[in-house]
Structures are given as structure tokens and as C-alpha cells.
Amino acid sequence: MTLPTRSERDGTELSRRLGQFRHELNRVGDRPTRADLESLLTRARELELRDEEITEELTQIRASLDAVDLAAQIAREALPVVASSEPLAPGDRCHFVTPVRFGRRRSDQFGHLSLTSGWLKFRGAHDISVAWTEVTDVRRAGREIIVTLHESKRVLRFSWQTVSEAARAGVLAQHLASISGSRHVEPSAAPYQAAL
């Protein structure tokens, strides 16, 4: 019988601590509070995990913290308003514009996504405009936002370069869909939903 080397024991111990941290991260669920997220950051320090060992997890946690802050800001104040490069309907205001990839595959088309008071608009090789009243659900999964439409099996999937951009878009899209009168979309209390 051969005893494990010190480096093998160290690797096993690190794997155990990483597993424990990831388990606690998953236990937080789809709707973490600021306290939940901050306790995860504290827990990482308690487990003596270095940032480079949990880079992806820290990115997700920080994006979720930003989403919580944005949701709180929207609840306190009005939605942010940004300049739009395209004409808007009377009374419609643009709240978010960003480059984005539309679809599941890396080869899918790139374009710009605009979130206005009344519409979700994608401008690329093919243009898409969906009224918020047609939206059943908006959820975030990592760097993606998935939009489900009423009485349709069609799902719109938008992908960003960073998790923080997706988190911001998710907060705004969920809020705009919820205030449009859509009965099925939950309010912006779930901006950080999915895939921590």
C-alpha cells in the first residue's frame, strides 16, 4: 500500500473545499438576496479559496450583486433612459441598447438589442420586434437571456460577451415585461435568476 503524496493530499483537500463552496453556491437557488451573495463571498474566504480557483463563480456572484443593485435602483427611481439610434413610437423610451448574439450557436447572427418601454427589438441580419405584452417569461442563464412568448413554442435567446451585461439586460427585460401587463412574468425581484 502506497500513501498519497503531500501534493495529492493538497489536491484532494482543495477539491473538497471547492466542492463544498459550489454546493453552497447551488443551494442559494435562483433568487439570492444581497445577504446570500455576500455570505458566499465570506464563505470563499473562510474556505481559503483563492480568486483564481473560483474565477467563474466569483464572476457570477458579482454579476448577481450588480443585478440586485439595479433592481433596487429601479424600485427606488425611474428606469434608466438611453439614446436610441432608431426612431421610437410616440411615448416609447429606450432603456437599454447593446451588441448581442441572437441564437444558440456561436455562428448565429450578431446585432443590437434594444429594450424600450413597449418593445424588445433585435436589429441584425433579420430584425425582430416583440411587444412586452407578448412575453410570458424572461430568465437569465449565465451569459444568456431566454425570452418565452405567449401561446408560442418559440423562444428567443440572446447571448452577451459578459455575465454582467446579461444580468443587467435580464433585470431590465424582466421589469419591462412585468409592468407591461403580462400576467405571467414575475416582477424584477428575480433579476439574477438562474445559473449562478
Protein backbone atom coordinates (compact mmCIF):
# COMPACT_ATOMS: atom_id res chain seq x y z
CA MET A 1 0.00 0.00 0.00
CA THR A 2 1.33 3.41 -1.01
CA LEU A 3 0.40 6.51 0.94
CA PRO A 4 -0.64 9.57 -1.09
CA THR A 5 1.99 12.25 -1.56
CA ARG A 6 1.63 15.66 0.03
CA SER A 7 0.67 17.23 -3.31
CA GLU A 8 -2.00 14.56 -3.82
CA ARG A 9 -3.38 15.25 -0.33
CA ASP A 10 -3.33 19.01 -1.03
CA GLY A 11 -5.18 18.44 -4.32
CA THR A 12 -7.78 16.29 -2.59
CA GLU A 13 -8.27 18.92 0.12
CA LEU A 14 -8.67 21.68 -2.49
CA SER A 15 -11.20 19.56 -4.40
CA ARG A 16 -13.15 19.03 -1.18
CA ARG A 17 -13.23 22.77 -0.41
CA LEU A 18 -14.19 23.65 -3.99
CA GLY A 19 -16.96 21.06 -3.91
CA GLN A 20 -18.25 22.43 -0.63
CA PHE A 21 -18.26 26.02 -1.95
CA ARG A 22 -20.01 25.05 -5.19
CA HIS A 23 -22.60 23.08 -3.23
CA GLU A 24 -23.33 26.12 -1.06
CA LEU A 25 -23.49 28.29 -4.18
CA ASN A 26 -26.06 25.97 -5.76
CA ARG A 27 -28.09 25.84 -2.53
CA VAL A 28 -28.66 29.60 -2.72
CA GLY A 29 -31.02 29.00 -5.66
CA ASP A 30 -32.35 31.23 -8.40
CA ARG A 31 -33.26 34.22 -6.27
CA PRO A 32 -30.44 35.05 -3.92
CA THR A 33 -30.57 38.12 -1.75
CA ARG A 34 -27.67 40.51 -1.28
CA ALA A 35 -27.05 38.85 2.10
CA ASP A 36 -26.90 35.40 0.44
CA LEU A 37 -24.38 36.60 -2.13
CA GLU A 38 -22.22 38.43 0.39
CA SER A 39 -22.20 35.38 2.65
CA LEU A 40 -20.91 33.32 -0.29
CA LEU A 41 -18.00 35.73 -0.71
CA THR A 42 -17.28 35.43 3.01
CA ARG A 43 -17.54 31.63 2.77
CA ALA A 44 -14.97 31.55 -0.03
CA ARG A 45 -12.51 33.35 2.26
CA GLU A 46 -13.32 31.01 5.16
CA LEU A 47 -12.60 28.02 2.91
CA GLU A 48 -9.32 29.73 1.92
CA LEU A 49 -10.17 29.62 -1.78
CA ARG A 50 -8.08 31.92 -3.93
CA ASP A 51 -9.79 34.08 -6.56
CA GLU A 52 -8.07 32.21 -9.39
CA GLU A 53 -9.54 28.93 -8.10
CA ILE A 54 -13.12 30.22 -8.27
CA THR A 55 -12.94 32.81 -11.05
CA GLU A 56 -16.13 31.73 -12.80
CA GLU A 57 -18.11 31.53 -9.57
CA LEU A 58 -16.92 34.97 -8.44
CA THR A 59 -17.91 36.43 -11.81
CA GLN A 60 -21.42 35.02 -11.42
CA ILE A 61 -21.74 36.24 -7.83
CA ARG A 62 -20.57 39.76 -8.70
CA ALA A 63 -22.93 39.93 -11.70
CA SER A 64 -25.77 38.84 -9.43
CA LEU A 65 -24.84 41.53 -6.89
CA ASP A 66 -24.93 44.13 -9.69
CA ALA A 67 -28.35 42.79 -10.74
CA VAL A 68 -29.66 43.09 -7.17
CA ASP A 69 -28.40 46.69 -7.04
CA LEU A 70 -30.01 47.55 -10.39
CA ALA A 71 -33.35 46.02 -9.34
CA ALA A 72 -33.25 48.08 -6.13
CA GLN A 73 -32.39 51.22 -8.11
CA ILE A 74 -35.33 50.62 -10.47
CA ALA A 75 -37.64 50.12 -7.49
CA ARG A 76 -36.49 53.43 -5.94
CA GLU A 77 -36.17 55.52 -9.09
CA ALA A 78 -37.31 55.52 -12.69
CA LEU A 79 -35.87 53.20 -15.31
CA PRO A 80 -32.65 54.42 -16.93
CA VAL A 81 -33.14 56.09 -20.31
CA VAL A 82 -30.54 55.85 -23.09
CA ALA A 83 -30.29 57.30 -26.58
CA SER A 84 -31.68 55.15 -29.37
CA SER A 85 -30.20 55.06 -32.86
CA GLU A 86 -33.60 54.27 -34.39
CA PRO A 87 -36.87 56.18 -34.29
CA LEU A 88 -39.26 55.27 -31.48
CA ALA A 89 -43.04 55.33 -31.35
CA PRO A 90 -44.56 58.32 -29.56
CA GLY A 91 -44.27 57.85 -25.81
CA ASP A 92 -41.81 54.96 -26.18
CA ARG A 93 -38.47 55.39 -24.41
CA CYS A 94 -35.29 53.34 -24.85
CA HIS A 95 -33.87 51.86 -21.64
CA PHE A 96 -31.06 49.63 -22.90
CA VAL A 97 -29.06 49.12 -26.11
CA THR A 98 -26.26 46.60 -26.51
CA PRO A 99 -24.49 44.43 -29.08
CA VAL A 100 -25.65 40.85 -28.73
CA ARG A 101 -25.68 37.48 -30.47
CA PHE A 102 -29.10 36.06 -31.31
CA GLY A 103 -29.48 32.28 -31.15
CA ARG A 104 -27.84 29.27 -29.52
CA ARG A 105 -24.86 28.63 -31.78
CA ARG A 106 -21.66 30.64 -31.89
CA SER A 107 -22.21 31.06 -35.61
CA ASP A 108 -25.57 32.79 -35.08
CA GLN A 109 -26.08 36.37 -36.08
CA PHE A 110 -24.84 39.42 -34.26
CA GLY A 111 -26.79 42.61 -33.98
CA HIS A 112 -28.10 45.12 -31.46
CA LEU A 113 -30.75 44.55 -28.84
CA SER A 114 -32.90 47.47 -27.69
CA LEU A 115 -35.22 47.32 -24.72
CA THR A 116 -37.80 50.08 -24.92
CA SER A 117 -40.88 50.83 -22.86
CA GLY A 118 -43.06 48.89 -25.27
CA TRP A 119 -40.77 46.60 -27.23
CA LEU A 120 -37.88 44.18 -27.28
CA LYS A 121 -36.12 44.82 -30.61
CA PHE A 122 -33.25 43.00 -32.27
CA ARG A 123 -31.60 44.60 -35.29
CA GLY A 124 -29.27 42.38 -37.28
CA ALA A 125 -29.39 40.36 -40.49
CA HIS A 126 -33.02 39.66 -39.51
CA ASP A 127 -34.98 42.16 -37.47
CA ILE A 128 -37.26 41.09 -34.62
CA SER A 129 -39.71 43.23 -32.66
CA VAL A 130 -41.75 41.78 -29.83
CA ALA A 131 -44.17 43.77 -27.68
CA TRP A 132 -43.67 43.21 -23.95
CA THR A 133 -47.32 42.14 -23.73
CA GLU A 134 -46.39 39.08 -25.85
CA VAL A 135 -43.70 37.95 -23.39
CA THR A 136 -44.51 35.11 -20.98
CA ASP A 137 -41.15 34.75 -19.25
CA VAL A 138 -37.68 36.28 -19.14
CA ARG A 139 -34.86 34.45 -17.40
CA ARG A 140 -31.10 34.60 -17.33
CA ALA A 141 -28.83 31.60 -17.69
CA GLY A 142 -25.23 32.72 -17.31
CA ARG A 143 -24.42 34.97 -20.27
CA GLU A 144 -27.77 34.41 -21.93
CA ILE A 145 -31.28 35.83 -21.66
CA ILE A 146 -34.09 33.50 -22.68
CA VAL A 147 -37.42 35.07 -23.63
CA THR A 148 -40.55 32.93 -23.92
CA LEU A 149 -43.59 34.21 -25.83
CA HIS A 150 -47.33 33.77 -25.13
CA GLU A 151 -49.06 30.96 -26.99
CA SER A 152 -45.92 30.07 -28.87
CA LYS A 153 -43.25 27.42 -28.60
CA ARG A 154 -40.80 29.97 -29.90
CA VAL A 155 -38.02 31.02 -27.56
CA LEU A 156 -35.73 33.97 -28.17
CA ARG A 157 -32.18 33.52 -26.90
CA PHE A 158 -29.69 36.38 -26.68
CA SER A 159 -26.03 35.95 -25.69
CA TRP A 160 -23.59 38.53 -24.35
CA GLN A 161 -19.83 38.63 -24.03
CA THR A 162 -20.02 39.04 -20.26
CA VAL A 163 -22.25 37.80 -17.46
CA SER A 164 -22.67 41.34 -16.10
CA GLU A 165 -24.16 42.59 -19.39
CA ALA A 166 -26.58 39.67 -19.41
CA ALA A 167 -27.52 40.31 -15.77
CA ARG A 168 -28.26 43.97 -16.49
CA ALA A 169 -30.33 43.10 -19.57
CA GLY A 170 -32.18 40.44 -17.60
CA VAL A 171 -33.18 42.87 -14.84
CA LEU A 172 -34.46 45.44 -17.32
CA ALA A 173 -36.25 42.90 -19.54
CA GLN A 174 -37.98 41.25 -16.58
CA HIS A 175 -39.07 44.61 -15.24
CA LEU A 176 -40.36 45.87 -18.61
CA ALA A 177 -42.25 42.64 -19.24
CA SER A 178 -43.78 42.67 -15.76
CA ILE A 179 -45.05 46.27 -16.00
CA SER A 180 -46.47 45.75 -19.49
CA GLY A 181 -49.47 43.95 -18.06
CA SER A 182 -48.18 40.49 -18.87
CA ARG A 183 -49.73 38.29 -16.18
CA HIS A 184 -47.15 35.52 -16.40
CA VAL A 185 -43.87 37.37 -15.95
CA GLU A 186 -42.68 37.77 -12.40
CA PRO A 187 -41.59 41.24 -11.35
CA SER A 188 -37.97 42.30 -11.23
CA ALA A 189 -37.49 40.54 -7.89
CA ALA A 190 -35.76 37.82 -9.88
CA PRO A 191 -33.18 39.75 -11.92
CA TYR A 192 -30.33 37.45 -11.06
CA GLN A 193 -32.27 34.34 -11.88
CA ALA A 194 -30.59 31.15 -12.96
CA ALA A 195 -27.11 29.82 -13.39
CA LEU A 196 -25.11 31.32 -10.58
